[in-house]
mmCIF file of all heavy atoms, coordinates in Angstrom:
data_MODEL
# 
_entry.id   MODEL 
# 
loop_
_atom_site.group_PDB 
_atom_site.id 
_atom_site.type_symbol 
_atom_site.label_atom_id 
_atom_site.label_alt_id 
_atom_site.label_comp_id 
_atom_site.label_asym_id 
_atom_site.label_entity_id 
_atom_site.label_seq_id 
_atom_site.pdbx_PDB_ins_code 
_atom_site.Cartn_x 
_atom_site.Cartn_y 
_atom_site.Cartn_z 
_atom_site.occupancy 
_atom_site.B_iso_or_equiv 
_atom_site.pdbx_formal_charge 
_atom_site.auth_seq_id 
_atom_site.auth_comp_id 
_atom_site.auth_asym_id 
_atom_site.auth_atom_id 
_atom_site.pdbx_PDB_model_num 
ATOM 1   N N   . PRO A 1 1  ? -14.208 32.049 73.294 1.00 0.00 ? 1  PRO A N   1 
ATOM 2   C CA  . PRO A 1 1  ? -15.116 32.460 74.373 1.00 0.00 ? 1  PRO A CA  1 
ATOM 3   C C   . PRO A 1 1  ? -14.991 33.929 74.750 1.00 0.00 ? 1  PRO A C   1 
ATOM 4   O O   . PRO A 1 1  ? -15.949 34.531 75.229 1.00 0.00 ? 1  PRO A O   1 
ATOM 5   C CB  . PRO A 1 1  ? -14.738 31.542 75.534 1.00 0.00 ? 1  PRO A CB  1 
ATOM 6   C CG  . PRO A 1 1  ? -13.373 31.025 75.206 1.00 0.00 ? 1  PRO A CG  1 
ATOM 7   C CD  . PRO A 1 1  ? -13.308 30.968 73.727 1.00 0.00 ? 1  PRO A CD  1 
ATOM 8   N N   . GLU A 1 2  ? -13.806 34.516 74.538 1.00 0.00 ? 2  GLU A N   1 
ATOM 9   C CA  . GLU A 1 2  ? -13.607 35.916 74.934 1.00 0.00 ? 2  GLU A CA  1 
ATOM 10  C C   . GLU A 1 2  ? -14.280 36.899 73.961 1.00 0.00 ? 2  GLU A C   1 
ATOM 11  O O   . GLU A 1 2  ? -14.445 38.072 74.288 1.00 0.00 ? 2  GLU A O   1 
ATOM 12  C CB  . GLU A 1 2  ? -12.120 36.244 75.054 1.00 0.00 ? 2  GLU A CB  1 
ATOM 13  C CG  . GLU A 1 2  ? -11.321 36.187 73.759 1.00 0.00 ? 2  GLU A CG  1 
ATOM 14  C CD  . GLU A 1 2  ? -10.788 34.797 73.447 1.00 0.00 ? 2  GLU A CD  1 
ATOM 15  O OE1 . GLU A 1 2  ? -11.209 33.832 74.121 1.00 0.00 ? 2  GLU A OE1 1 
ATOM 16  O OE2 . GLU A 1 2  ? -9.949  34.678 72.518 1.00 0.00 ? 2  GLU A OE2 1 
ATOM 17  N N   . GLU A 1 3  ? -14.652 36.426 72.789 1.00 0.00 ? 3  GLU A N   1 
ATOM 18  C CA  . GLU A 1 3  ? -15.296 37.313 71.820 1.00 0.00 ? 3  GLU A CA  1 
ATOM 19  C C   . GLU A 1 3  ? -16.772 37.507 72.145 1.00 0.00 ? 3  GLU A C   1 
ATOM 20  O O   . GLU A 1 3  ? -17.467 36.565 72.522 1.00 0.00 ? 3  GLU A O   1 
ATOM 21  C CB  . GLU A 1 3  ? -15.168 36.742 70.402 1.00 0.00 ? 3  GLU A CB  1 
ATOM 22  C CG  . GLU A 1 3  ? -13.781 36.833 69.822 1.00 0.00 ? 3  GLU A CG  1 
ATOM 23  C CD  . GLU A 1 3  ? -13.775 36.521 68.327 1.00 0.00 ? 3  GLU A CD  1 
ATOM 24  O OE1 . GLU A 1 3  ? -14.836 36.683 67.682 1.00 0.00 ? 3  GLU A OE1 1 
ATOM 25  O OE2 . GLU A 1 3  ? -12.713 36.123 67.821 1.00 0.00 ? 3  GLU A OE2 1 
ATOM 26  N N   . LYS A 1 4  ? -17.252 38.731 71.974 1.00 0.00 ? 4  LYS A N   1 
ATOM 27  C CA  . LYS A 1 4  ? -18.674 38.996 72.183 1.00 0.00 ? 4  LYS A CA  1 
ATOM 28  C C   . LYS A 1 4  ? -19.476 38.378 71.037 1.00 0.00 ? 4  LYS A C   1 
ATOM 29  O O   . LYS A 1 4  ? -19.056 38.377 69.891 1.00 0.00 ? 4  LYS A O   1 
ATOM 30  C CB  . LYS A 1 4  ? -18.936 40.494 72.263 1.00 0.00 ? 4  LYS A CB  1 
ATOM 31  C CG  . LYS A 1 4  ? -18.368 41.147 73.516 1.00 0.00 ? 4  LYS A CG  1 
ATOM 32  C CD  . LYS A 1 4  ? -18.735 42.625 73.576 1.00 0.00 ? 4  LYS A CD  1 
ATOM 33  C CE  . LYS A 1 4  ? -18.201 43.264 74.844 1.00 0.00 ? 4  LYS A CE  1 
ATOM 34  N NZ  . LYS A 1 4  ? -18.551 44.708 74.929 1.00 0.00 ? 4  LYS A NZ  1 
ATOM 35  N N   . LYS A 1 5  ? -20.663 37.867 71.392 1.00 0.00 ? 5  LYS A N   1 
ATOM 36  C CA  . LYS A 1 5  ? -21.471 37.140 70.406 1.00 0.00 ? 5  LYS A CA  1 
ATOM 37  C C   . LYS A 1 5  ? -22.792 37.850 70.103 1.00 0.00 ? 5  LYS A C   1 
ATOM 38  O O   . LYS A 1 5  ? -23.719 37.234 69.578 1.00 0.00 ? 5  LYS A O   1 
ATOM 39  C CB  . LYS A 1 5  ? -21.773 35.719 70.911 1.00 0.00 ? 5  LYS A CB  1 
ATOM 40  C CG  . LYS A 1 5  ? -20.591 34.943 71.477 1.00 0.00 ? 5  LYS A CG  1 
ATOM 41  C CD  . LYS A 1 5  ? -19.513 34.707 70.463 1.00 0.00 ? 5  LYS A CD  1 
ATOM 42  C CE  . LYS A 1 5  ? -18.448 33.734 70.943 1.00 0.00 ? 5  LYS A CE  1 
ATOM 43  N NZ  . LYS A 1 5  ? -17.802 34.058 72.209 1.00 0.00 ? 5  LYS A NZ  1 
ATOM 44  N N   . THR A 1 6  ? -22.907 39.128 70.418 1.00 0.00 ? 6  THR A N   1 
ATOM 45  C CA  . THR A 1 6  ? -24.123 39.841 70.063 1.00 0.00 ? 6  THR A CA  1 
ATOM 46  C C   . THR A 1 6  ? -24.238 39.900 68.546 1.00 0.00 ? 6  THR A C   1 
ATOM 47  O O   . THR A 1 6  ? -23.239 39.785 67.822 1.00 0.00 ? 6  THR A O   1 
ATOM 48  C CB  . THR A 1 6  ? -24.126 41.269 70.622 1.00 0.00 ? 6  THR A CB  1 
ATOM 49  O OG1 . THR A 1 6  ? -23.066 42.010 69.991 1.00 0.00 ? 6  THR A OG1 1 
ATOM 50  C CG2 . THR A 1 6  ? -23.929 41.275 72.134 1.00 0.00 ? 6  THR A CG2 1 
ATOM 51  N N   . LEU A 1 7  ? -25.453 40.115 68.064 1.00 0.00 ? 7  LEU A N   1 
ATOM 52  C CA  . LEU A 1 7  ? -25.635 40.206 66.618 1.00 0.00 ? 7  LEU A CA  1 
ATOM 53  C C   . LEU A 1 7  ? -24.820 41.360 66.044 1.00 0.00 ? 7  LEU A C   1 
ATOM 54  O O   . LEU A 1 7  ? -24.231 41.239 64.966 1.00 0.00 ? 7  LEU A O   1 
ATOM 55  C CB  . LEU A 1 7  ? -27.123 40.375 66.287 1.00 0.00 ? 7  LEU A CB  1 
ATOM 56  C CG  . LEU A 1 7  ? -27.484 40.360 64.800 1.00 0.00 ? 7  LEU A CG  1 
ATOM 57  C CD1 . LEU A 1 7  ? -27.057 39.055 64.131 1.00 0.00 ? 7  LEU A CD1 1 
ATOM 58  C CD2 . LEU A 1 7  ? -28.978 40.597 64.607 1.00 0.00 ? 7  LEU A CD2 1 
ATOM 59  N N   . GLN A 1 8  ? -24.773 42.464 66.776 1.00 0.00 ? 8  GLN A N   1 
ATOM 60  C CA  . GLN A 1 8  ? -24.002 43.612 66.307 1.00 0.00 ? 8  GLN A CA  1 
ATOM 61  C C   . GLN A 1 8  ? -22.519 43.263 66.175 1.00 0.00 ? 8  GLN A C   1 
ATOM 62  O O   . GLN A 1 8  ? -21.881 43.574 65.158 1.00 0.00 ? 8  GLN A O   1 
ATOM 63  C CB  . GLN A 1 8  ? -24.176 44.795 67.247 1.00 0.00 ? 8  GLN A CB  1 
ATOM 64  C CG  . GLN A 1 8  ? -23.386 46.028 66.851 1.00 0.00 ? 8  GLN A CG  1 
ATOM 65  C CD  . GLN A 1 8  ? -23.729 46.501 65.445 1.00 0.00 ? 8  GLN A CD  1 
ATOM 66  O OE1 . GLN A 1 8  ? -24.901 46.694 65.127 1.00 0.00 ? 8  GLN A OE1 1 
ATOM 67  N NE2 . GLN A 1 8  ? -22.727 46.674 64.601 1.00 0.00 ? 8  GLN A NE2 1 
ATOM 68  N N   . CYS A 1 9  ? -21.956 42.633 67.185 1.00 0.00 ? 9  CYS A N   1 
ATOM 69  C CA  . CYS A 1 9  ? -20.536 42.280 67.144 1.00 0.00 ? 9  CYS A CA  1 
ATOM 70  C C   . CYS A 1 9  ? -20.237 41.290 66.016 1.00 0.00 ? 9  CYS A C   1 
ATOM 71  O O   . CYS A 1 9  ? -19.211 41.404 65.335 1.00 0.00 ? 9  CYS A O   1 
ATOM 72  C CB  . CYS A 1 9  ? -20.108 41.699 68.488 1.00 0.00 ? 9  CYS A CB  1 
ATOM 73  S SG  . CYS A 1 9  ? -20.030 42.919 69.823 1.00 0.00 ? 9  CYS A SG  1 
ATOM 74  N N   . LEU A 1 10 ? -21.132 40.342 65.805 1.00 0.00 ? 10 LEU A N   1 
ATOM 75  C CA  . LEU A 1 10 ? -20.916 39.361 64.745 1.00 0.00 ? 10 LEU A CA  1 
ATOM 76  C C   . LEU A 1 10 ? -21.104 39.983 63.360 1.00 0.00 ? 10 LEU A C   1 
ATOM 77  O O   . LEU A 1 10 ? -20.404 39.616 62.404 1.00 0.00 ? 10 LEU A O   1 
ATOM 78  C CB  . LEU A 1 10 ? -21.858 38.172 64.939 1.00 0.00 ? 10 LEU A CB  1 
ATOM 79  C CG  . LEU A 1 10 ? -21.552 37.330 66.184 1.00 0.00 ? 10 LEU A CG  1 
ATOM 80  C CD1 . LEU A 1 10 ? -22.646 36.302 66.415 1.00 0.00 ? 10 LEU A CD1 1 
ATOM 81  C CD2 . LEU A 1 10 ? -20.192 36.643 66.063 1.00 0.00 ? 10 LEU A CD2 1 
ATOM 82  N N   . CYS A 1 11 ? -22.025 40.929 63.253 1.00 0.00 ? 11 CYS A N   1 
ATOM 83  C CA  . CYS A 1 11 ? -22.173 41.645 61.981 1.00 0.00 ? 11 CYS A CA  1 
ATOM 84  C C   . CYS A 1 11 ? -20.910 42.442 61.671 1.00 0.00 ? 11 CYS A C   1 
ATOM 85  O O   . CYS A 1 11 ? -20.455 42.500 60.522 1.00 0.00 ? 11 CYS A O   1 
ATOM 86  C CB  . CYS A 1 11 ? -23.385 42.568 62.035 1.00 0.00 ? 11 CYS A CB  1 
ATOM 87  S SG  . CYS A 1 11 ? -24.975 41.716 61.852 1.00 0.00 ? 11 CYS A SG  1 
ATOM 88  N N   . ASP A 1 12 ? -20.333 43.069 62.695 1.00 0.00 ? 12 ASP A N   1 
ATOM 89  C CA  . ASP A 1 12 ? -19.072 43.796 62.507 1.00 0.00 ? 12 ASP A CA  1 
ATOM 90  C C   . ASP A 1 12 ? -17.947 42.840 62.110 1.00 0.00 ? 12 ASP A C   1 
ATOM 91  O O   . ASP A 1 12 ? -17.146 43.141 61.215 1.00 0.00 ? 12 ASP A O   1 
ATOM 92  C CB  . ASP A 1 12 ? -18.699 44.542 63.783 1.00 0.00 ? 12 ASP A CB  1 
ATOM 93  C CG  . ASP A 1 12 ? -19.639 45.704 64.082 1.00 0.00 ? 12 ASP A CG  1 
ATOM 94  O OD1 . ASP A 1 12 ? -20.354 46.148 63.161 1.00 0.00 ? 12 ASP A OD1 1 
ATOM 95  O OD2 . ASP A 1 12 ? -19.659 46.149 65.249 1.00 0.00 ? 12 ASP A OD2 1 
ATOM 96  N N   . ARG A 1 13 ? -17.896 41.705 62.779 1.00 0.00 ? 13 ARG A N   1 
ATOM 97  C CA  . ARG A 1 13 ? -16.834 40.730 62.531 1.00 0.00 ? 13 ARG A CA  1 
ATOM 98  C C   . ARG A 1 13 ? -16.875 40.212 61.098 1.00 0.00 ? 13 ARG A C   1 
ATOM 99  O O   . ARG A 1 13 ? -15.838 40.065 60.439 1.00 0.00 ? 13 ARG A O   1 
ATOM 100 C CB  . ARG A 1 13 ? -16.985 39.558 63.515 1.00 0.00 ? 13 ARG A CB  1 
ATOM 101 C CG  . ARG A 1 13 ? -15.837 38.546 63.492 1.00 0.00 ? 13 ARG A CG  1 
ATOM 102 C CD  . ARG A 1 13 ? -16.191 37.385 64.423 1.00 0.00 ? 13 ARG A CD  1 
ATOM 103 N NE  . ARG A 1 13 ? -15.049 36.653 64.887 1.00 0.00 ? 13 ARG A NE  1 
ATOM 104 C CZ  . ARG A 1 13 ? -14.461 35.649 64.231 1.00 0.00 ? 13 ARG A CZ  1 
ATOM 105 N NH1 . ARG A 1 13 ? -14.906 35.303 63.043 1.00 0.00 ? 13 ARG A NH1 1 
ATOM 106 N NH2 . ARG A 1 13 ? -13.426 35.016 64.765 1.00 0.00 ? 13 ARG A NH2 1 
ATOM 107 N N   . TYR A 1 14 ? -18.068 39.938 60.596 1.00 0.00 ? 14 TYR A N   1 
ATOM 108 C CA  . TYR A 1 14 ? -18.214 39.334 59.271 1.00 0.00 ? 14 TYR A CA  1 
ATOM 109 C C   . TYR A 1 14 ? -18.664 40.334 58.207 1.00 0.00 ? 14 TYR A C   1 
ATOM 110 O O   . TYR A 1 14 ? -19.017 39.933 57.091 1.00 0.00 ? 14 TYR A O   1 
ATOM 111 C CB  . TYR A 1 14 ? -19.202 38.162 59.343 1.00 0.00 ? 14 TYR A CB  1 
ATOM 112 C CG  . TYR A 1 14 ? -18.671 36.997 60.149 1.00 0.00 ? 14 TYR A CG  1 
ATOM 113 C CD1 . TYR A 1 14 ? -19.153 36.733 61.426 1.00 0.00 ? 14 TYR A CD1 1 
ATOM 114 C CD2 . TYR A 1 14 ? -17.679 36.169 59.636 1.00 0.00 ? 14 TYR A CD2 1 
ATOM 115 C CE1 . TYR A 1 14 ? -18.677 35.666 62.171 1.00 0.00 ? 14 TYR A CE1 1 
ATOM 116 C CE2 . TYR A 1 14 ? -17.186 35.095 60.374 1.00 0.00 ? 14 TYR A CE2 1 
ATOM 117 C CZ  . TYR A 1 14 ? -17.681 34.854 61.642 1.00 0.00 ? 14 TYR A CZ  1 
ATOM 118 O OH  . TYR A 1 14 ? -17.197 33.787 62.369 1.00 0.00 ? 14 TYR A OH  1 
ATOM 119 N N   . GLU A 1 15 ? -18.648 41.608 58.562 1.00 0.00 ? 15 GLU A N   1 
ATOM 120 C CA  . GLU A 1 15 ? -18.981 42.690 57.626 1.00 0.00 ? 15 GLU A CA  1 
ATOM 121 C C   . GLU A 1 15 ? -20.368 42.501 56.998 1.00 0.00 ? 15 GLU A C   1 
ATOM 122 O O   . GLU A 1 15 ? -20.564 42.622 55.786 1.00 0.00 ? 15 GLU A O   1 
ATOM 123 C CB  . GLU A 1 15 ? -17.908 42.801 56.530 1.00 0.00 ? 15 GLU A CB  1 
ATOM 124 C CG  . GLU A 1 15 ? -16.530 43.143 57.099 1.00 0.00 ? 15 GLU A CG  1 
ATOM 125 C CD  . GLU A 1 15 ? -15.478 43.309 56.009 1.00 0.00 ? 15 GLU A CD  1 
ATOM 126 O OE1 . GLU A 1 15 ? -15.753 42.912 54.858 1.00 0.00 ? 15 GLU A OE1 1 
ATOM 127 O OE2 . GLU A 1 15 ? -14.396 43.831 56.311 1.00 0.00 ? 15 GLU A OE2 1 
ATOM 128 N N   . ILE A 1 16 ? -21.315 42.182 57.863 1.00 0.00 ? 16 ILE A N   1 
ATOM 129 C CA  . ILE A 1 16 ? -22.719 42.083 57.448 1.00 0.00 ? 16 ILE A CA  1 
ATOM 130 C C   . ILE A 1 16 ? -23.354 43.454 57.636 1.00 0.00 ? 16 ILE A C   1 
ATOM 131 O O   . ILE A 1 16 ? -23.375 43.987 58.747 1.00 0.00 ? 16 ILE A O   1 
ATOM 132 C CB  . ILE A 1 16 ? -23.467 41.019 58.278 1.00 0.00 ? 16 ILE A CB  1 
ATOM 133 C CG1 . ILE A 1 16 ? -22.852 39.638 58.067 1.00 0.00 ? 16 ILE A CG1 1 
ATOM 134 C CG2 . ILE A 1 16 ? -24.952 41.008 57.921 1.00 0.00 ? 16 ILE A CG2 1 
ATOM 135 C CD1 . ILE A 1 16 ? -23.403 38.571 58.992 1.00 0.00 ? 16 ILE A CD1 1 
ATOM 136 N N   . ARG A 1 17 ? -23.885 44.006 56.587 1.00 0.00 ? 17 ARG A N   1 
ATOM 137 C CA  . ARG A 1 17 ? -24.432 45.360 56.643 1.00 0.00 ? 17 ARG A CA  1 
ATOM 138 C C   . ARG A 1 17 ? -25.924 45.329 56.990 1.00 0.00 ? 17 ARG A C   1 
ATOM 139 O O   . ARG A 1 17 ? -26.680 44.512 56.469 1.00 0.00 ? 17 ARG A O   1 
ATOM 140 C CB  . ARG A 1 17 ? -24.233 46.075 55.309 1.00 0.00 ? 17 ARG A CB  1 
ATOM 141 C CG  . ARG A 1 17 ? -22.767 46.285 54.935 1.00 0.00 ? 17 ARG A CG  1 
ATOM 142 C CD  . ARG A 1 17 ? -22.648 47.083 53.653 1.00 0.00 ? 17 ARG A CD  1 
ATOM 143 N NE  . ARG A 1 17 ? -23.217 48.424 53.799 1.00 0.00 ? 17 ARG A NE  1 
ATOM 144 C CZ  . ARG A 1 17 ? -23.318 49.302 52.810 1.00 0.00 ? 17 ARG A CZ  1 
ATOM 145 N NH1 . ARG A 1 17 ? -22.905 48.965 51.587 1.00 0.00 ? 17 ARG A NH1 1 
ATOM 146 N NH2 . ARG A 1 17 ? -23.832 50.488 53.011 1.00 0.00 ? 17 ARG A NH2 1 
ATOM 147 N N   . ARG A 1 18 ? -26.299 46.228 57.890 1.00 0.00 ? 18 ARG A N   1 
ATOM 148 C CA  . ARG A 1 18 ? -27.717 46.419 58.232 1.00 0.00 ? 18 ARG A CA  1 
ATOM 149 C C   . ARG A 1 18 ? -28.039 47.901 58.085 1.00 0.00 ? 18 ARG A C   1 
ATOM 150 O O   . ARG A 1 18 ? -27.340 48.747 58.643 1.00 0.00 ? 18 ARG A O   1 
ATOM 151 C CB  . ARG A 1 18 ? -28.006 45.987 59.668 1.00 0.00 ? 18 ARG A CB  1 
ATOM 152 C CG  . ARG A 1 18 ? -27.975 44.497 59.896 1.00 0.00 ? 18 ARG A CG  1 
ATOM 153 C CD  . ARG A 1 18 ? -28.302 44.177 61.343 1.00 0.00 ? 18 ARG A CD  1 
ATOM 154 N NE  . ARG A 1 18 ? -27.291 44.689 62.261 1.00 0.00 ? 18 ARG A NE  1 
ATOM 155 C CZ  . ARG A 1 18 ? -27.432 44.728 63.592 1.00 0.00 ? 18 ARG A CZ  1 
ATOM 156 N NH1 . ARG A 1 18 ? -28.552 44.329 64.143 1.00 0.00 ? 18 ARG A NH1 1 
ATOM 157 N NH2 . ARG A 1 18 ? -26.468 45.194 64.357 1.00 0.00 ? 18 ARG A NH2 1 
ATOM 158 N N   . GLU A 1 19 ? -29.099 48.195 57.366 1.00 0.00 ? 19 GLU A N   1 
ATOM 159 C CA  . GLU A 1 19 ? -29.489 49.589 57.208 1.00 0.00 ? 19 GLU A CA  1 
ATOM 160 C C   . GLU A 1 19 ? -30.026 50.150 58.516 1.00 0.00 ? 19 GLU A C   1 
ATOM 161 O O   . GLU A 1 19 ? -29.762 51.294 58.879 1.00 0.00 ? 19 GLU A O   1 
ATOM 162 C CB  . GLU A 1 19 ? -30.541 49.721 56.116 1.00 0.00 ? 19 GLU A CB  1 
ATOM 163 C CG  . GLU A 1 19 ? -30.912 51.166 55.801 1.00 0.00 ? 19 GLU A CG  1 
ATOM 164 C CD  . GLU A 1 19 ? -31.879 51.285 54.641 1.00 0.00 ? 19 GLU A CD  1 
ATOM 165 O OE1 . GLU A 1 19 ? -32.122 50.255 53.966 1.00 0.00 ? 19 GLU A OE1 1 
ATOM 166 O OE2 . GLU A 1 19 ? -32.390 52.400 54.403 1.00 0.00 ? 19 GLU A OE2 1 
ATOM 167 N N   . HIS A 1 20 ? -30.780 49.327 59.241 1.00 0.00 ? 20 HIS A N   1 
ATOM 168 C CA  . HIS A 1 20 ? -31.366 49.758 60.516 1.00 0.00 ? 20 HIS A CA  1 
ATOM 169 C C   . HIS A 1 20 ? -31.080 48.694 61.571 1.00 0.00 ? 20 HIS A C   1 
ATOM 170 O O   . HIS A 1 20 ? -31.609 47.582 61.497 1.00 0.00 ? 20 HIS A O   1 
ATOM 171 C CB  . HIS A 1 20 ? -32.874 49.961 60.391 1.00 0.00 ? 20 HIS A CB  1 
ATOM 172 C CG  . HIS A 1 20 ? -33.266 50.952 59.346 1.00 0.00 ? 20 HIS A CG  1 
ATOM 173 N ND1 . HIS A 1 20 ? -33.046 52.303 59.482 1.00 0.00 ? 20 HIS A ND1 1 
ATOM 174 C CD2 . HIS A 1 20 ? -33.857 50.784 58.134 1.00 0.00 ? 20 HIS A CD2 1 
ATOM 175 C CE1 . HIS A 1 20 ? -33.491 52.933 58.416 1.00 0.00 ? 20 HIS A CE1 1 
ATOM 176 N NE2 . HIS A 1 20 ? -33.977 52.041 57.576 1.00 0.00 ? 20 HIS A NE2 1 
ATOM 177 N N   . ARG A 1 21 ? -30.254 49.033 62.537 1.00 0.00 ? 21 ARG A N   1 
ATOM 178 C CA  . ARG A 1 21 ? -29.973 48.108 63.630 1.00 0.00 ? 21 ARG A CA  1 
ATOM 179 C C   . ARG A 1 21 ? -31.158 48.054 64.579 1.00 0.00 ? 21 ARG A C   1 
ATOM 180 O O   . ARG A 1 21 ? -31.830 49.036 64.811 1.00 0.00 ? 21 ARG A O   1 
ATOM 181 C CB  . ARG A 1 21 ? -28.727 48.553 64.389 1.00 0.00 ? 21 ARG A CB  1 
ATOM 182 C CG  . ARG A 1 21 ? -27.468 48.598 63.534 1.00 0.00 ? 21 ARG A CG  1 
ATOM 183 C CD  . ARG A 1 21 ? -26.304 49.148 64.318 1.00 0.00 ? 21 ARG A CD  1 
ATOM 184 N NE  . ARG A 1 21 ? -25.104 49.254 63.501 1.00 0.00 ? 21 ARG A NE  1 
ATOM 185 C CZ  . ARG A 1 21 ? -23.939 49.759 63.940 1.00 0.00 ? 21 ARG A CZ  1 
ATOM 186 N NH1 . ARG A 1 21 ? -23.844 50.201 65.174 1.00 0.00 ? 21 ARG A NH1 1 
ATOM 187 N NH2 . ARG A 1 21 ? -22.897 49.802 63.131 1.00 0.00 ? 21 ARG A NH2 1 
ATOM 188 N N   . HIS A 1 22 ? -31.379 46.870 65.133 1.00 0.00 ? 22 HIS A N   1 
ATOM 189 C CA  . HIS A 1 22 ? -32.474 46.641 66.079 1.00 0.00 ? 22 HIS A CA  1 
ATOM 190 C C   . HIS A 1 22 ? -33.830 46.952 65.460 1.00 0.00 ? 22 HIS A C   1 
ATOM 191 O O   . HIS A 1 22 ? -34.740 47.431 66.149 1.00 0.00 ? 22 HIS A O   1 
ATOM 192 C CB  . HIS A 1 22 ? -32.265 47.444 67.363 1.00 0.00 ? 22 HIS A CB  1 
ATOM 193 C CG  . HIS A 1 22 ? -31.043 47.033 68.114 1.00 0.00 ? 22 HIS A CG  1 
ATOM 194 N ND1 . HIS A 1 22 ? -30.928 45.805 68.729 1.00 0.00 ? 22 HIS A ND1 1 
ATOM 195 C CD2 . HIS A 1 22 ? -29.871 47.680 68.335 1.00 0.00 ? 22 HIS A CD2 1 
ATOM 196 C CE1 . HIS A 1 22 ? -29.735 45.720 69.303 1.00 0.00 ? 22 HIS A CE1 1 
ATOM 197 N NE2 . HIS A 1 22 ? -29.078 46.832 69.073 1.00 0.00 ? 22 HIS A NE2 1 
ATOM 198 N N   . ARG A 1 23 ? -33.962 46.684 64.164 1.00 0.00 ? 23 ARG A N   1 
ATOM 199 C CA  . ARG A 1 23 ? -35.262 46.648 63.513 1.00 0.00 ? 23 ARG A CA  1 
ATOM 200 C C   . ARG A 1 23 ? -35.457 45.224 63.019 1.00 0.00 ? 23 ARG A C   1 
ATOM 201 O O   . ARG A 1 23 ? -34.524 44.567 62.542 1.00 0.00 ? 23 ARG A O   1 
ATOM 202 C CB  . ARG A 1 23 ? -35.351 47.661 62.379 1.00 0.00 ? 23 ARG A CB  1 
ATOM 203 C CG  . ARG A 1 23 ? -35.348 49.109 62.866 1.00 0.00 ? 23 ARG A CG  1 
ATOM 204 C CD  . ARG A 1 23 ? -36.546 49.427 63.773 1.00 0.00 ? 23 ARG A CD  1 
ATOM 205 N NE  . ARG A 1 23 ? -37.823 49.203 63.102 1.00 0.00 ? 23 ARG A NE  1 
ATOM 206 C CZ  . ARG A 1 23 ? -38.429 50.138 62.393 1.00 0.00 ? 23 ARG A CZ  1 
ATOM 207 N NH1 . ARG A 1 23 ? -37.879 51.341 62.245 1.00 0.00 ? 23 ARG A NH1 1 
ATOM 208 N NH2 . ARG A 1 23 ? -39.600 49.864 61.837 1.00 0.00 ? 23 ARG A NH2 1 
ATOM 209 N N   . ALA A 1 24 ? -36.678 44.739 63.139 1.00 0.00 ? 24 ALA A N   1 
ATOM 210 C CA  . ALA A 1 24 ? -36.929 43.310 63.025 1.00 0.00 ? 24 ALA A CA  1 
ATOM 211 C C   . ALA A 1 24 ? -36.500 42.705 61.690 1.00 0.00 ? 24 ALA A C   1 
ATOM 212 O O   . ALA A 1 24 ? -35.802 41.681 61.659 1.00 0.00 ? 24 ALA A O   1 
ATOM 213 C CB  . ALA A 1 24 ? -38.412 43.028 63.289 1.00 0.00 ? 24 ALA A CB  1 
ATOM 214 N N   . LEU A 1 25 ? -36.912 43.302 60.579 1.00 0.00 ? 25 LEU A N   1 
ATOM 215 C CA  . LEU A 1 25 ? -36.593 42.698 59.290 1.00 0.00 ? 25 LEU A CA  1 
ATOM 216 C C   . LEU A 1 25 ? -35.097 42.744 59.002 1.00 0.00 ? 25 LEU A C   1 
ATOM 217 O O   . LEU A 1 25 ? -34.521 41.767 58.502 1.00 0.00 ? 25 LEU A O   1 
ATOM 218 C CB  . LEU A 1 25 ? -37.369 43.400 58.168 1.00 0.00 ? 25 LEU A CB  1 
ATOM 219 C CG  . LEU A 1 25 ? -37.195 42.799 56.769 1.00 0.00 ? 25 LEU A CG  1 
ATOM 220 C CD1 . LEU A 1 25 ? -37.559 41.320 56.752 1.00 0.00 ? 25 LEU A CD1 1 
ATOM 221 C CD2 . LEU A 1 25 ? -38.044 43.560 55.750 1.00 0.00 ? 25 LEU A CD2 1 
ATOM 222 N N   . ASP A 1 26 ? -34.444 43.857 59.331 1.00 0.00 ? 26 ASP A N   1 
ATOM 223 C CA  . ASP A 1 26 ? -32.991 43.966 59.114 1.00 0.00 ? 26 ASP A CA  1 
ATOM 224 C C   . ASP A 1 26 ? -32.243 42.919 59.939 1.00 0.00 ? 26 ASP A C   1 
ATOM 225 O O   . ASP A 1 26 ? -31.276 42.309 59.461 1.00 0.00 ? 26 ASP A O   1 
ATOM 226 C CB  . ASP A 1 26 ? -32.517 45.363 59.488 1.00 0.00 ? 26 ASP A CB  1 
ATOM 227 C CG  . ASP A 1 26 ? -33.028 46.417 58.531 1.00 0.00 ? 26 ASP A CG  1 
ATOM 228 O OD1 . ASP A 1 26 ? -34.216 46.752 58.600 1.00 0.00 ? 26 ASP A OD1 1 
ATOM 229 O OD2 . ASP A 1 26 ? -32.240 46.902 57.709 1.00 0.00 ? 26 ASP A OD2 1 
ATOM 230 N N   . ASP A 1 27 ? -32.675 42.710 61.174 1.00 0.00 ? 27 ASP A N   1 
ATOM 231 C CA  . ASP A 1 27 ? -32.002 41.735 62.030 1.00 0.00 ? 27 ASP A CA  1 
ATOM 232 C C   . ASP A 1 27 ? -32.279 40.303 61.585 1.00 0.00 ? 27 ASP A C   1 
ATOM 233 O O   . ASP A 1 27 ? -31.420 39.426 61.710 1.00 0.00 ? 27 ASP A O   1 
ATOM 234 C CB  . ASP A 1 27 ? -32.433 41.930 63.486 1.00 0.00 ? 27 ASP A CB  1 
ATOM 235 C CG  . ASP A 1 27 ? -31.795 43.166 64.112 1.00 0.00 ? 27 ASP A CG  1 
ATOM 236 O OD1 . ASP A 1 27 ? -31.012 43.843 63.425 1.00 0.00 ? 27 ASP A OD1 1 
ATOM 237 O OD2 . ASP A 1 27 ? -32.087 43.458 65.291 1.00 0.00 ? 27 ASP A OD2 1 
# 
């Protein structure tokens, strides 16, 4: 529960790469 669950935090946690953050297709 103490971990942040935003898409950005989860992408960092699982090393998911996005070329453009907060762009629809990348997300």
